[in-house]
Amino acid sequence: MSDTRNGEPRDAEAQKERGVTLRAGLYIFGTHLFAGFVWLLFYVGEHANK
């Protein structure tokens, strides 16, 4: 039996899955970081001396 499926090594699919998981984690982390920054802007703006 061959170590390829559809012209790609079998490990390539696992590597793609890890890449998708990593990318999703980075997007989630980045989105939360951005949301925290926006929340911080609102908090500072609310407590500013006017």
PDB file of N, CA and C in Angstrom:
ATOM      1  N   MET A   1       0.836  -1.173   0.000  1.00  0.00           N
ATOM      2  CA  MET A   1       0.000   0.000   0.000  1.00  0.00           C
ATOM      3  C   MET A   1       0.882   1.239   0.000  1.00  0.00           C
ATOM      4  N   SER A   2       0.407   2.265  -0.644  1.00  0.00           N
ATOM      5  CA  SER A   2       1.194   3.478  -0.795  1.00  0.00           C
ATOM      6  C   SER A   2       0.987   4.425   0.382  1.00  0.00           C
ATOM      7  N   ASP A   3       1.955   5.292   0.621  1.00  0.00           N
ATOM      8  CA  ASP A   3       1.846   6.286   1.684  1.00  0.00           C
ATOM      9  C   ASP A   3       1.198   7.576   1.207  1.00  0.00           C
ATOM     10  N   THR A   4       0.579   7.538   0.057  1.00  0.00           N
ATOM     11  CA  THR A   4      -0.049   8.756  -0.465  1.00  0.00           C
ATOM     12  C   THR A   4      -1.530   8.538  -0.661  1.00  0.00           C
ATOM     13  N   ARG A   5      -2.263   9.626  -0.548  1.00  0.00           N
ATOM     14  CA  ARG A   5      -3.697   9.606  -0.825  1.00  0.00           C
ATOM     15  C   ARG A   5      -4.000  10.897  -1.571  1.00  0.00           C
ATOM     16  N   ASN A   6      -4.542  10.802  -2.766  1.00  0.00           N
ATOM     17  CA  ASN A   6      -4.826  11.950  -3.616  1.00  0.00           C
ATOM     18  C   ASN A   6      -3.563  12.754  -3.912  1.00  0.00           C
ATOM     19  N   GLY A   7      -2.429  12.073  -4.020  1.00  0.00           N
ATOM     20  CA  GLY A   7      -1.188  12.738  -4.355  1.00  0.00           C
ATOM     21  C   GLY A   7      -0.493  13.416  -3.191  1.00  0.00           C
ATOM     22  N   GLU A   8      -1.031  13.315  -1.989  1.00  0.00           N
ATOM     23  CA  GLU A   8      -0.422  13.941  -0.816  1.00  0.00           C
ATOM     24  C   GLU A   8      -0.086  12.864   0.207  1.00  0.00           C
ATOM     25  N   PRO A   9       0.984  13.066   0.956  1.00  0.00           N
ATOM     26  CA  PRO A   9       1.275  12.115   2.035  1.00  0.00           C
ATOM     27  C   PRO A   9       0.163  12.112   3.079  1.00  0.00           C
ATOM     28  N   ARG A  10       0.018  11.021   3.766  1.00  0.00           N
ATOM     29  CA  ARG A  10      -1.047  10.907   4.772  1.00  0.00           C
ATOM     30  C   ARG A  10      -0.873  11.911   5.896  1.00  0.00           C
ATOM     31  N   ASP A  11       0.353  12.243   6.231  1.00  0.00           N
ATOM     32  CA  ASP A  11       0.613  13.187   7.308  1.00  0.00           C
ATOM     33  C   ASP A  11       0.237  14.620   6.920  1.00  0.00           C
ATOM     34  N   ALA A  12       0.084  14.885   5.637  1.00  0.00           N
ATOM     35  CA  ALA A  12      -0.239  16.243   5.185  1.00  0.00           C
ATOM     36  C   ALA A  12      -1.608  16.681   5.707  1.00  0.00           C
ATOM     37  N   GLU A  13      -2.544  15.750   5.793  1.00  0.00           N
ATOM     38  CA  GLU A  13      -3.868  16.111   6.304  1.00  0.00           C
ATOM     39  C   GLU A  13      -3.810  16.488   7.780  1.00  0.00           C
ATOM     40  N   ALA A  14      -3.036  15.770   8.555  1.00  0.00           N
ATOM     41  CA  ALA A  14      -2.872  16.109   9.973  1.00  0.00           C
ATOM     42  C   ALA A  14      -2.177  17.458  10.112  1.00  0.00           C
ATOM     43  N   GLN A  15      -1.221  17.728   9.237  1.00  0.00           N
ATOM     44  CA  GLN A  15      -0.515  19.005   9.268  1.00  0.00           C
ATOM     45  C   GLN A  15      -1.458  20.152   8.909  1.00  0.00           C
ATOM     46  N   LYS A  16      -2.338  19.951   7.947  1.00  0.00           N
ATOM     47  CA  LYS A  16      -3.329  20.971   7.591  1.00  0.00           C
ATOM     48  C   LYS A  16      -4.286  21.224   8.758  1.00  0.00           C
ATOM     49  N   GLU A  17      -4.679  20.149   9.439  1.00  0.00           N
ATOM     50  CA  GLU A  17      -5.585  20.282  10.579  1.00  0.00           C
ATOM     51  C   GLU A  17      -4.930  21.090  11.703  1.00  0.00           C
ATOM     52  N   ARG A  18      -3.653  20.836  11.960  1.00  0.00           N
ATOM     53  CA  ARG A  18      -2.930  21.627  12.967  1.00  0.00           C
ATOM     54  C   ARG A  18      -2.858  23.088  12.554  1.00  0.00           C
ATOM     55  N   GLY A  19      -2.660  23.347  11.257  1.00  0.00           N
ATOM     56  CA  GLY A  19      -2.600  24.716  10.761  1.00  0.00           C
ATOM     57  C   GLY A  19      -3.916  25.443  10.938  1.00  0.00           C
ATOM     58  N   VAL A  20      -5.009  24.758  10.660  1.00  0.00           N
ATOM     59  CA  VAL A  20      -6.334  25.362  10.831  1.00  0.00           C
ATOM     60  C   VAL A  20      -6.600  25.643  12.303  1.00  0.00           C
ATOM     61  N   THR A  21      -6.227  24.704  13.164  1.00  0.00           N
ATOM     62  CA  THR A  21      -6.419  24.895  14.604  1.00  0.00           C
ATOM     63  C   THR A  21      -5.598  26.078  15.113  1.00  0.00           C
ATOM     64  N   LEU A  22      -4.371  26.177  14.668  1.00  0.00           N
ATOM     65  CA  LEU A  22      -3.504  27.286  15.069  1.00  0.00           C
ATOM     66  C   LEU A  22      -4.074  28.619  14.574  1.00  0.00           C
ATOM     67  N   ARG A  23      -4.506  28.654  13.331  1.00  0.00           N
ATOM     68  CA  ARG A  23      -5.066  29.883  12.769  1.00  0.00           C
ATOM     69  C   ARG A  23      -6.332  30.296  13.510  1.00  0.00           C
ATOM     70  N   ALA A  24      -7.201  29.352  13.811  1.00  0.00           N
ATOM     71  CA  ALA A  24      -8.428  29.669  14.558  1.00  0.00           C
ATOM     72  C   ALA A  24      -8.091  30.198  15.945  1.00  0.00           C
ATOM     73  N   GLY A  25      -7.117  29.587  16.601  1.00  0.00           N
ATOM     74  CA  GLY A  25      -6.702  30.062  17.922  1.00  0.00           C
ATOM     75  C   GLY A  25      -6.158  31.479  17.873  1.00  0.00           C
ATOM     76  N   LEU A  26      -5.358  31.773  16.851  1.00  0.00           N
ATOM     77  CA  LEU A  26      -4.819  33.128  16.710  1.00  0.00           C
ATOM     78  C   LEU A  26      -5.921  34.141  16.426  1.00  0.00           C
ATOM     79  N   TYR A  27      -6.885  33.774  15.593  1.00  0.00           N
ATOM     80  CA  TYR A  27      -8.000  34.682  15.303  1.00  0.00           C
ATOM     81  C   TYR A  27      -8.819  34.946  16.559  1.00  0.00           C
ATOM     82  N   ILE A  28      -9.084  33.905  17.329  1.00  0.00           N
ATOM     83  CA  ILE A  28      -9.864  34.071  18.564  1.00  0.00           C
ATOM     84  C   ILE A  28      -9.103  34.941  19.548  1.00  0.00           C
ATOM     85  N   PHE A  29      -7.801  34.683  19.723  1.00  0.00           N
ATOM     86  CA  PHE A  29      -6.983  35.481  20.622  1.00  0.00           C
ATOM     87  C   PHE A  29      -6.925  36.938  20.161  1.00  0.00           C
ATOM     88  N   GLY A  30      -6.720  37.149  18.883  1.00  0.00           N
ATOM     89  CA  GLY A  30      -6.650  38.501  18.343  1.00  0.00           C
ATOM     90  C   GLY A  30      -7.956  39.258  18.490  1.00  0.00           C
ATOM     91  N   THR A  31      -9.063  38.572  18.279  1.00  0.00           N
ATOM     92  CA  THR A  31     -10.372  39.205  18.427  1.00  0.00           C
ATOM     93  C   THR A  31     -10.609  39.617  19.868  1.00  0.00           C
ATOM     94  N   HIS A  32     -10.253  38.764  20.816  1.00  0.00           N
ATOM     95  CA  HIS A  32     -10.418  39.110  22.223  1.00  0.00           C
ATOM     96  C   HIS A  32      -9.483  40.247  22.629  1.00  0.00           C
ATOM     97  N   LEU A  33      -8.291  40.252  22.099  1.00  0.00           N
ATOM     98  CA  LEU A  33      -7.349  41.337  22.379  1.00  0.00           C
ATOM     99  C   LEU A  33      -7.905  42.661  21.862  1.00  0.00           C
ATOM    100  N   PHE A  34      -8.429  42.677  20.655  1.00  0.00           N
ATOM    101  CA  PHE A  34      -9.016  43.880  20.078  1.00  0.00           C
ATOM    102  C   PHE A  34     -10.236  44.334  20.878  1.00  0.00           C
ATOM    103  N   ALA A  35     -11.095  43.387  21.259  1.00  0.00           N
ATOM    104  CA  ALA A  35     -12.279  43.726  22.046  1.00  0.00           C
ATOM    105  C   ALA A  35     -11.877  44.302  23.404  1.00  0.00           C
ATOM    106  N   GLY A  36     -10.841  43.762  24.014  1.00  0.00           N
ATOM    107  CA  GLY A  36     -10.346  44.292  25.279  1.00  0.00           C
ATOM    108  C   GLY A  36      -9.822  45.708  25.118  1.00  0.00           C
ATOM    109  N   PHE A  37      -9.149  45.977  24.028  1.00  0.00           N
ATOM    110  CA  PHE A  37      -8.646  47.322  23.758  1.00  0.00           C
ATOM    111  C   PHE A  37      -9.792  48.306  23.583  1.00  0.00           C
ATOM    112  N   VAL A  38     -10.817  47.923  22.842  1.00  0.00           N
ATOM    113  CA  VAL A  38     -11.985  48.793  22.661  1.00  0.00           C
ATOM    114  C   VAL A  38     -12.676  49.026  23.999  1.00  0.00           C
ATOM    115  N   TRP A  39     -12.806  47.972  24.818  1.00  0.00           N
ATOM    116  CA  TRP A  39     -13.408  48.123  26.145  1.00  0.00           C
ATOM    117  C   TRP A  39     -12.594  49.100  26.986  1.00  0.00           C
ATOM    118  N   LEU A  40     -11.269  48.990  26.901  1.00  0.00           N
ATOM    119  CA  LEU A  40     -10.395  49.898  27.639  1.00  0.00           C
ATOM    120  C   LEU A  40     -10.598  51.345  27.192  1.00  0.00           C
ATOM    121  N   LEU A  41     -10.756  51.577  25.914  1.00  0.00           N
ATOM    122  CA  LEU A  41     -11.005  52.932  25.421  1.00  0.00           C
ATOM    123  C   LEU A  41     -12.307  53.493  25.988  1.00  0.00           C
ATOM    124  N   PHE A  42     -13.352  52.695  25.999  1.00  0.00           N
ATOM    125  CA  PHE A  42     -14.619  53.151  26.564  1.00  0.00           C
ATOM    126  C   PHE A  42     -14.479  53.419  28.061  1.00  0.00           C
ATOM    127  N   TYR A  43     -13.758  52.556  28.772  1.00  0.00           N
ATOM    128  CA  TYR A  43     -13.578  52.727  30.214  1.00  0.00           C
ATOM    129  C   TYR A  43     -12.816  54.018  30.516  1.00  0.00           C
ATOM    130  N   VAL A  44     -11.737  54.251  29.814  1.00  0.00           N
ATOM    131  CA  VAL A  44     -10.937  55.457  30.027  1.00  0.00           C
ATOM    132  C   VAL A  44     -11.735  56.693  29.637  1.00  0.00           C
ATOM    133  N   GLY A  45     -12.469  56.610  28.541  1.00  0.00           N
ATOM    134  CA  GLY A  45     -13.277  57.746  28.114  1.00  0.00           C
ATOM    135  C   GLY A  45     -14.376  58.079  29.096  1.00  0.00           C
ATOM    136  N   GLU A  46     -14.961  57.074  29.712  1.00  0.00           N
ATOM    137  CA  GLU A  46     -16.026  57.296  30.686  1.00  0.00           C
ATOM    138  C   GLU A  46     -15.504  57.951  31.956  1.00  0.00           C
ATOM    139  N   HIS A  47     -14.280  57.645  32.328  1.00  0.00           N
ATOM    140  CA  HIS A  47     -13.704  58.165  33.573  1.00  0.00           C
ATOM    141  C   HIS A  47     -12.807  59.391  33.357  1.00  0.00           C
ATOM    142  N   ALA A  48     -12.800  59.936  32.178  1.00  0.00           N
ATOM    143  CA  ALA A  48     -11.977  61.104  31.900  1.00  0.00           C
ATOM    144  C   ALA A  48     -12.585  62.336  32.553  1.00  0.00           C
ATOM    145  N   ASN A  49     -11.735  63.235  32.974  1.00  0.00           N
ATOM    146  CA  ASN A  49     -12.215  64.507  33.543  1.00  0.00           C
ATOM    147  C   ASN A  49     -12.703  65.389  32.387  1.00  0.00           C
ATOM    148  N   LYS A  50     -13.958  65.756  32.483  1.00  0.00           N
ATOM    149  CA  LYS A  50     -14.547  66.553  31.403  1.00  0.00           C
ATOM    150  C   LYS A  50     -14.708  67.986  31.808  1.00  0.00           C
TER     151      LYS A  50
END
